[in-house]
Protein backbone atom coordinates (compact mmCIF):
# COMPACT_ATOMS: atom_id res chain seq x y z
CA MET A 1 -18.01 -8.30 -26.75
CA SER A 2 -20.22 -10.22 -29.14
CA LEU A 3 -17.67 -10.32 -31.98
CA SER A 4 -14.29 -11.97 -31.67
CA LYS A 5 -11.46 -9.47 -31.52
CA HIS A 6 -7.69 -9.62 -31.67
CA ILE A 7 -6.50 -8.05 -28.43
CA LEU A 8 -3.04 -6.99 -27.34
CA LEU A 9 -2.76 -7.13 -23.55
CA THR A 10 -0.08 -5.98 -21.13
CA GLY A 11 0.19 -7.21 -17.55
CA ALA A 12 -1.03 -10.77 -18.14
CA THR A 13 1.07 -12.10 -15.24
CA GLY A 14 -0.55 -9.76 -12.70
CA PHE A 15 -3.62 -10.43 -10.54
CA LEU A 16 -6.13 -8.44 -12.57
CA GLY A 17 -4.37 -8.97 -15.91
CA SER A 18 -4.29 -12.75 -15.58
CA HIS A 19 -7.98 -12.99 -14.74
CA LEU A 20 -8.81 -10.56 -17.55
CA THR A 21 -6.78 -12.60 -20.03
CA ALA A 22 -8.64 -15.76 -19.04
CA ARG A 23 -11.99 -13.99 -19.28
CA LEU A 24 -11.24 -12.63 -22.77
CA LEU A 25 -10.08 -16.02 -24.00
CA GLN A 26 -13.17 -17.71 -22.58
CA SER A 27 -15.24 -15.15 -24.50
CA GLY A 28 -13.70 -16.29 -27.78
CA HIS A 29 -11.21 -13.49 -28.35
CA ARG A 30 -7.64 -13.93 -29.53
CA VAL A 31 -5.19 -12.47 -27.05
CA THR A 32 -1.57 -11.54 -27.63
CA ALA A 33 0.00 -11.11 -24.19
CA VAL A 34 3.11 -8.97 -23.76
CA ALA A 35 5.46 -10.30 -21.10
CA ARG A 36 9.06 -10.25 -20.01
CA GLY A 37 11.16 -13.33 -19.46
CA THR A 38 13.24 -14.11 -16.39
CA LYS A 39 16.49 -16.00 -15.89
CA THR A 40 14.51 -19.18 -15.27
CA ALA A 41 11.34 -18.79 -17.35
CA SER A 42 10.44 -17.60 -20.83
CA PRO A 43 7.64 -15.06 -21.34
CA LYS A 44 5.42 -17.87 -22.63
CA ASP A 45 6.12 -20.09 -19.63
CA ARG A 46 5.39 -17.25 -17.20
CA VAL A 47 2.05 -16.39 -18.78
CA GLU A 48 0.92 -20.00 -19.14
CA GLU A 49 1.83 -20.73 -15.52
CA VAL A 50 -0.34 -17.91 -14.21
CA MET A 51 -3.11 -18.92 -16.60
CA HIS A 52 -3.08 -22.36 -14.98
CA ASP A 53 -3.32 -20.61 -11.59
CA VAL A 54 -6.56 -18.91 -12.63
CA GLY A 55 -8.00 -22.16 -13.97
CA LEU A 56 -7.39 -21.84 -17.72
CA THR A 57 -6.20 -24.96 -19.53
CA GLN A 58 -6.79 -24.15 -23.22
CA PHE A 59 -4.28 -21.82 -24.89
CA GLU A 60 -5.04 -22.09 -28.60
CA ASN A 61 -6.16 -18.44 -28.86
CA LEU A 62 -3.32 -17.14 -26.68
CA THR A 63 -0.06 -15.86 -28.15
CA VAL A 64 2.75 -14.61 -25.94
CA VAL A 65 5.34 -12.14 -27.23
CA GLU A 66 8.34 -10.77 -25.42
CA GLY A 67 8.11 -7.07 -24.72
CA ASP A 68 8.61 -4.37 -22.11
CA ILE A 69 6.34 -1.34 -21.65
CA ALA A 70 9.35 0.63 -20.38
CA LEU A 71 10.69 0.65 -23.97
CA PRO A 72 9.40 2.52 -27.06
CA ASP A 73 7.13 0.27 -29.14
CA LEU A 74 7.34 -2.07 -26.11
CA GLY A 75 10.71 -3.21 -27.39
CA PHE A 76 9.17 -5.05 -30.36
CA PRO A 77 11.42 -5.65 -33.37
CA GLU A 78 10.03 -3.88 -36.44
CA PRO A 79 8.47 -6.95 -38.14
CA LEU A 80 6.61 -7.87 -34.95
CA ARG A 81 5.53 -4.29 -34.34
CA ASN A 82 4.18 -4.00 -37.89
CA ARG A 83 2.28 -7.28 -37.57
CA ILE A 84 0.74 -6.27 -34.23
CA VAL A 85 -0.16 -2.77 -35.42
CA SER A 86 -1.95 -4.10 -38.49
CA SER A 87 -3.80 -6.97 -36.79
CA THR A 88 -4.83 -5.63 -33.36
CA ASP A 89 -8.40 -4.46 -32.78
CA GLU A 90 -7.79 -3.01 -29.34
CA VAL A 91 -5.19 -2.82 -26.57
CA TRP A 92 -5.86 -3.63 -22.93
CA HIS A 93 -3.20 -1.98 -20.79
CA CYS A 94 -3.03 -3.62 -17.35
CA ALA A 95 0.71 -3.62 -16.64
CA ALA A 96 1.85 -1.36 -13.80
CA SER A 97 4.18 -1.06 -10.87
CA LEU A 98 2.13 -1.60 -7.71
CA SER A 99 4.84 -0.40 -5.32
CA PHE A 100 3.88 2.27 -2.79
CA GLN A 101 7.42 2.89 -1.57
CA GLN A 102 8.83 6.37 -1.97
CA GLU A 103 12.30 5.01 -2.72
CA ASP A 104 10.81 3.30 -5.78
CA ARG A 105 9.34 6.56 -7.11
CA ASP A 106 11.52 6.71 -10.24
CA GLU A 107 10.72 3.10 -11.17
CA ILE A 108 7.00 3.60 -10.44
CA PHE A 109 6.87 6.58 -12.80
CA ARG A 110 9.00 4.79 -15.41
CA MET A 111 6.51 1.94 -15.52
CA ASN A 112 3.21 3.71 -14.91
CA VAL A 113 3.76 7.00 -16.75
CA ASP A 114 6.46 6.32 -19.33
CA GLY A 115 5.10 2.81 -19.88
CA THR A 116 1.63 4.16 -20.56
CA ARG A 117 3.09 6.71 -22.98
CA HIS A 118 4.77 3.89 -24.93
CA VAL A 119 1.48 1.94 -25.05
CA ILE A 120 -0.40 5.04 -26.23
CA ASP A 121 2.17 5.67 -28.95
CA LEU A 122 1.69 2.10 -30.19
CA VAL A 123 -2.10 2.45 -30.11
CA LYS A 124 -1.86 5.60 -32.26
CA GLN A 125 -0.31 3.51 -35.04
CA MET A 126 -3.27 1.10 -35.13
CA PRO A 127 -6.23 1.65 -37.47
CA SER A 128 -8.74 1.40 -34.60
CA ARG A 129 -6.71 3.57 -32.14
CA ARG A 130 -8.71 1.78 -29.41
CA LEU A 131 -7.30 1.64 -25.87
CA GLN A 132 -8.80 -0.03 -22.80
CA HIS A 133 -6.78 1.26 -19.84
CA VAL A 134 -6.80 -0.11 -16.30
CA SER A 135 -6.18 2.60 -13.73
CA THR A 136 -7.25 2.80 -10.07
CA ALA A 137 -10.06 4.51 -8.20
CA TYR A 138 -7.39 5.81 -5.84
CA ILE A 139 -6.23 8.46 -8.27
CA ALA A 140 -8.67 10.39 -6.03
CA GLY A 141 -5.83 10.58 -3.52
CA ASN A 142 -6.66 12.27 -0.23
CA ARG A 143 -10.02 13.64 -1.31
CA SER A 144 -12.68 13.60 1.41
CA ASP A 145 -15.57 14.39 -0.95
CA LEU A 146 -17.26 12.25 -3.59
CA ALA A 147 -14.88 11.35 -6.44
CA LEU A 148 -16.79 11.41 -9.71
CA GLU A 149 -16.06 9.16 -12.65
CA THR A 150 -15.59 12.27 -14.78
CA ASP A 151 -12.87 13.61 -12.44
CA ILE A 152 -9.14 13.12 -12.97
CA ASP A 153 -7.01 15.87 -11.46
CA VAL A 154 -9.00 18.29 -9.30
CA GLY A 155 -6.01 19.48 -7.28
CA GLN A 156 -5.96 16.52 -4.90
CA ASN A 157 -2.91 15.38 -2.96
CA PHE A 158 -1.78 11.77 -3.11
CA LYS A 159 -0.93 9.21 -0.46
CA ASN A 160 1.96 7.79 -2.46
CA ALA A 161 3.78 7.79 -5.79
CA TYR A 162 1.60 4.97 -7.12
CA GLU A 163 -1.59 7.05 -6.91
CA GLU A 164 0.15 10.07 -8.40
CA SER A 165 1.64 8.09 -11.30
CA LYS A 166 -1.70 6.54 -12.22
CA CYS A 167 -3.30 10.00 -12.23
CA ARG A 168 -0.54 11.32 -14.48
CA ALA A 169 -1.10 8.42 -16.87
CA GLU A 170 -4.82 9.19 -17.05
CA LEU A 171 -4.08 12.84 -17.82
CA MET A 172 -1.95 11.77 -20.79
CA ILE A 173 -4.70 9.51 -22.09
CA ASP A 174 -7.29 12.26 -21.65
CA ALA A 175 -5.16 14.80 -23.50
CA ASP A 176 -4.55 12.49 -26.47
CA GLN A 177 -8.21 11.52 -26.59
CA ARG A 178 -9.32 15.16 -26.61
CA ARG A 179 -7.04 15.68 -29.61
CA GLY A 180 -8.74 12.75 -31.36
CA GLU A 181 -5.54 10.70 -31.49
CA ILE A 182 -6.89 7.70 -29.56
CA ILE A 183 -10.25 6.30 -28.43
CA ALA A 184 -9.92 5.24 -24.79
CA SER A 185 -11.98 3.79 -21.98
CA VAL A 186 -10.56 3.92 -18.45
CA TYR A 187 -11.40 1.44 -15.71
CA ARG A 188 -10.76 2.31 -12.07
CA PRO A 189 -10.98 -0.65 -9.69
CA SER A 190 -10.80 -0.04 -5.96
CA ILE A 191 -9.19 -2.69 -3.69
CA VAL A 192 -9.39 -5.96 -5.59
CA ILE A 193 -9.84 -9.11 -3.51
CA GLY A 194 -10.35 -12.78 -4.35
CA ASP A 195 -13.15 -14.43 -6.26
CA SER A 196 -16.57 -13.83 -4.70
CA ARG A 197 -17.59 -17.47 -5.10
CA SER A 198 -14.44 -19.35 -4.07
CA GLY A 199 -12.36 -16.72 -2.25
CA ARG A 200 -9.37 -17.68 -4.39
CA ALA A 201 -6.69 -15.11 -5.13
CA THR A 202 -3.45 -15.47 -7.04
CA HIS A 203 -1.56 -12.35 -5.95
CA PHE A 204 -1.37 -10.95 -2.44
CA HIS A 205 -1.14 -7.18 -2.01
CA GLY A 206 -3.05 -4.71 0.14
CA VAL A 207 -5.31 -6.38 2.70
CA TYR A 208 -3.55 -9.70 2.04
CA ALA A 209 -0.27 -8.19 3.21
CA PHE A 210 -2.06 -7.08 6.39
CA ILE A 211 -3.44 -10.59 6.97
CA ARG A 212 -0.07 -12.17 6.24
CA ALA A 213 1.71 -9.89 8.74
CA LEU A 214 -0.79 -10.84 11.46
CA TRP A 215 -0.62 -14.52 10.57
CA THR A 216 3.20 -14.49 10.75
CA ALA A 217 3.22 -12.81 14.17
CA LEU A 218 0.65 -15.28 15.47
CA GLU A 219 2.55 -18.30 14.19
CA ARG A 220 5.61 -17.22 16.16
CA LEU A 221 3.55 -16.80 19.31
CA ARG A 222 1.75 -20.12 18.89
CA ARG A 223 5.02 -22.01 18.69
CA ARG A 224 5.71 -20.86 22.26
CA MET A 225 2.24 -21.68 23.58
CA PRO A 226 1.85 -24.90 25.60
CA GLU A 227 -1.60 -25.57 24.11
CA PRO A 228 -3.41 -24.50 20.94
CA GLY A 229 -6.13 -21.89 21.21
CA PRO A 230 -6.93 -18.22 20.75
CA VAL A 231 -4.04 -15.79 21.12
CA ASN A 232 -4.26 -12.54 23.08
CA LEU A 233 -2.15 -10.09 21.10
CA PRO A 234 -2.28 -6.50 22.39
CA LEU A 235 -1.59 -4.65 19.15
CA ARG A 236 -2.61 -1.12 18.33
CA VAL A 237 -2.88 -0.38 14.62
CA LEU A 238 -3.06 3.16 13.33
CA GLY A 239 -6.49 3.61 11.79
CA ALA A 240 -10.13 4.47 12.40
CA ASP A 241 -12.93 1.99 13.14
CA THR A 242 -15.59 4.02 11.39
CA GLN A 243 -13.64 4.65 8.19
CA THR A 244 -14.00 2.29 5.24
CA LEU A 245 -12.08 0.28 2.70
CA ASN A 246 -13.63 -0.32 -0.69
CA PHE A 247 -13.30 -4.01 -1.58
CA VAL A 248 -14.33 -5.48 -4.94
CA PRO A 249 -14.05 -9.16 -5.93
CA ILE A 250 -11.87 -9.91 -8.92
CA ASP A 251 -14.69 -11.63 -10.82
CA TYR A 252 -16.89 -8.52 -10.62
CA VAL A 253 -14.05 -6.28 -11.80
CA VAL A 254 -13.14 -8.44 -14.79
CA ASP A 255 -16.72 -9.27 -15.80
CA GLY A 256 -17.70 -5.62 -15.44
CA MET A 257 -14.84 -4.33 -17.57
CA VAL A 258 -15.45 -6.84 -20.34
CA GLU A 259 -19.18 -6.10 -20.35
CA ILE A 260 -18.67 -2.33 -20.45
CA ALA A 261 -16.05 -2.66 -23.19
CA SER A 262 -18.53 -4.59 -25.33
CA ARG A 263 -20.77 -1.52 -25.57
CA PRO A 264 -19.79 0.95 -28.31
CA GLU A 265 -21.18 3.83 -26.26
CA SER A 266 -18.61 3.13 -23.53
CA ALA A 267 -15.80 4.60 -25.63
CA GLY A 268 -14.35 7.71 -24.09
CA GLY A 269 -15.66 7.10 -20.58
CA ALA A 270 -14.08 6.38 -17.20
CA TYR A 271 -15.66 3.79 -14.92
CA HIS A 272 -15.30 3.19 -11.19
CA LEU A 273 -15.23 -0.57 -10.65
CA ALA A 274 -15.75 0.09 -6.97
CA ASN A 275 -18.19 -1.26 -4.42
CA PRO A 276 -21.27 0.96 -4.00
CA THR A 277 -21.21 -0.18 -0.35
CA PRO A 278 -17.70 0.21 1.13
CA THR A 279 -16.84 -1.81 4.23
CA GLU A 280 -16.27 -0.26 7.65
CA ASN A 281 -12.87 -1.13 9.10
CA ARG A 282 -14.36 -2.49 12.30
CA LEU A 283 -16.36 -5.05 10.32
CA TRP A 284 -13.62 -6.58 8.24
CA LEU A 285 -10.96 -6.37 10.98
CA SER A 286 -13.11 -8.06 13.62
CA HIS A 287 -13.86 -10.97 11.34
CA ILE A 288 -10.24 -11.33 10.21
CA CYS A 289 -9.30 -11.54 13.90
CA ARG A 290 -12.02 -14.16 14.50
CA LEU A 291 -10.75 -16.30 11.63
CA LEU A 292 -7.16 -15.98 12.84
CA ALA A 293 -8.25 -16.75 16.43
CA VAL A 294 -6.65 -13.63 17.88
CA GLU A 295 -7.89 -11.06 20.38
CA GLY A 296 -6.57 -7.67 21.44
CA ILE A 297 -6.04 -5.97 18.07
CA GLN A 298 -7.57 -2.52 17.81
CA LEU A 299 -7.49 0.48 15.48
CA VAL A 300 -6.38 3.65 17.27
CA GLY A 301 -5.55 7.26 16.51
CA GLU A 302 -2.10 8.83 16.82
CA ASN A 303 -2.95 10.15 20.30
CA SER A 304 -2.87 6.59 21.60
CA PHE A 305 0.86 6.37 20.92
CA LEU A 306 1.47 9.76 22.54
CA LYS A 307 -0.09 8.52 25.76
CA SER A 308 1.68 5.17 25.66
CA PRO A 309 4.73 4.57 23.42
CA MET A 310 4.68 1.76 20.88
CA THR A 311 5.76 -1.68 21.95
CA LYS A 312 8.46 -3.42 19.91
CA LEU A 313 5.81 -5.52 18.15
CA GLU A 314 3.72 -2.45 17.34
CA ALA A 315 6.76 -0.64 15.95
CA LEU A 316 7.67 -3.66 13.81
CA PHE A 317 4.12 -4.04 12.53
CA GLN A 318 3.87 -0.34 11.72
CA LYS A 319 7.14 -0.50 9.80
CA GLN A 320 5.92 -3.48 7.77
CA MET A 321 2.55 -1.87 7.05
CA ALA A 322 3.59 1.79 6.76
CA PHE A 323 2.48 2.09 3.14
CA TYR A 324 -1.04 0.84 3.93
CA TYR A 325 -1.73 2.78 7.14
CA PRO A 326 -2.97 5.93 5.36
CA TYR A 327 -5.82 3.89 3.85
CA LEU A 328 -6.92 2.69 7.30
CA GLN A 329 -7.38 6.31 8.36
CA GLY A 330 -9.78 7.23 5.58
CA GLU A 331 -10.42 6.95 1.86
CA PRO A 332 -12.45 8.82 -0.75
CA ARG A 333 -16.01 7.90 -1.64
CA PHE A 334 -16.37 6.73 -5.22
CA ASP A 335 -19.30 7.62 -7.45
CA CYS A 336 -20.23 4.51 -9.49
CA ARG A 337 -23.33 5.72 -11.32
CA ARG A 338 -21.90 5.54 -14.83
CA THR A 339 -20.63 2.01 -14.19
CA LEU A 340 -23.88 0.83 -12.64
CA ASP A 341 -25.86 2.32 -15.52
CA ALA A 342 -23.64 0.55 -18.05
CA LEU A 343 -24.05 -2.78 -16.21
CA ASN A 344 -27.76 -2.44 -15.57
CA ASN A 345 -29.53 -5.78 -16.19
CA THR A 346 -26.46 -7.33 -17.84
CA GLY A 347 -25.35 -9.71 -15.10
CA PRO A 348 -22.17 -8.46 -13.41
CA TYR A 349 -23.11 -7.40 -9.90
CA CYS A 350 -20.85 -6.17 -7.12
CA PRO A 351 -21.73 -8.06 -3.94
CA PRO A 352 -21.62 -6.24 -0.61
CA VAL A 353 -18.83 -7.41 1.67
CA THR A 354 -20.81 -9.57 4.07
CA VAL A 355 -19.55 -11.79 6.88
CA GLU A 356 -19.93 -14.75 4.50
CA LEU A 357 -17.76 -13.10 1.84
CA ILE A 358 -15.08 -12.21 4.40
CA ASP A 359 -15.14 -15.80 5.69
CA ARG A 360 -14.71 -17.09 2.14
CA MET A 361 -11.89 -14.73 1.18
CA VAL A 362 -9.91 -14.77 4.43
CA GLY A 363 -10.57 -18.44 5.06
CA TRP A 364 -9.17 -19.31 1.64
CA TYR A 365 -6.05 -17.23 2.27
CA VAL A 366 -5.45 -18.57 5.78
CA ASP A 367 -5.72 -22.11 4.41
CA PHE A 368 -3.24 -21.11 1.69
CA LEU A 369 -0.78 -19.76 4.28
CA ASN A 370 -1.16 -22.79 6.52
CA ALA A 371 -0.55 -25.14 3.60
CA ARG A 372 2.71 -23.38 2.78
CA ALA A 373 3.94 -23.14 6.37
């Protein structure tokens, strides 16, 4: 984005949204962040706190307004709505429920589908009608073939309500765009991990939940060990060694989105911010185990538990990680050609997940957990 814009952004307190807010501000844009307050913190305090977490210290181009995507017009009073509608160049919609739990299905759809509808309706009132929407590559669901950037709903099934809700939201955007009511670009990150240079993360979902569950189990065992050292933990985890997970560092995702959005020809497209080289499970798991100093953890198929019933620890671990197990058994392959073409020779580059990158990311998080213990 070469010209300064006035941007309305939802989801500034989330992992991706906070880094995106910082990146936009550093690029000279004015950002109005929509946030909810809590019993102990105002919307402004919440946003500025997470901005400090991502390393931002200057807030002169940041305005925080109270709002809720679950409400029409995001709950803005009419004077504020009119001011935002008349002054906003584009909307970045990052807010979403990230829950995978089936019992949260109604809330997931209220936030991710109804919330997106309310954002779209606000965008339609703006002169530019420009929407930048953050979705997920995993709208591809249980597909075993190559998911194209031009695909939305091709009859796939979904692993959970989160995937389904994000697909539904994209279908709404696509329908309104085809009618000429909005001009939208859609960004589909895969599994977002910490910064490629420092390993730092600010929110801990997905693979971080897996690491945290292992770390917690190991801490309990180490307290009972007479001497420090590696732990032998016989633990079977439902998954497949040769399947992959698609990890992308947060800096690549944010830099890539901002770069693509700066190009007028990007309007109307969908972009997979995914890693062209996904990571085999046996690679990342073995190195996580090395960094945690644990042996005995292995990915197995369901037949393993038919031959030998789960131990209490395995049953507990499976219960804690139930929502993530389907991803360990296989994921779609993501076509990134449109994204790579848009980023060609511009700088943002998605690094492969090497041993060094795993060491940086996991090492940072283990240090974080140890410091809080």
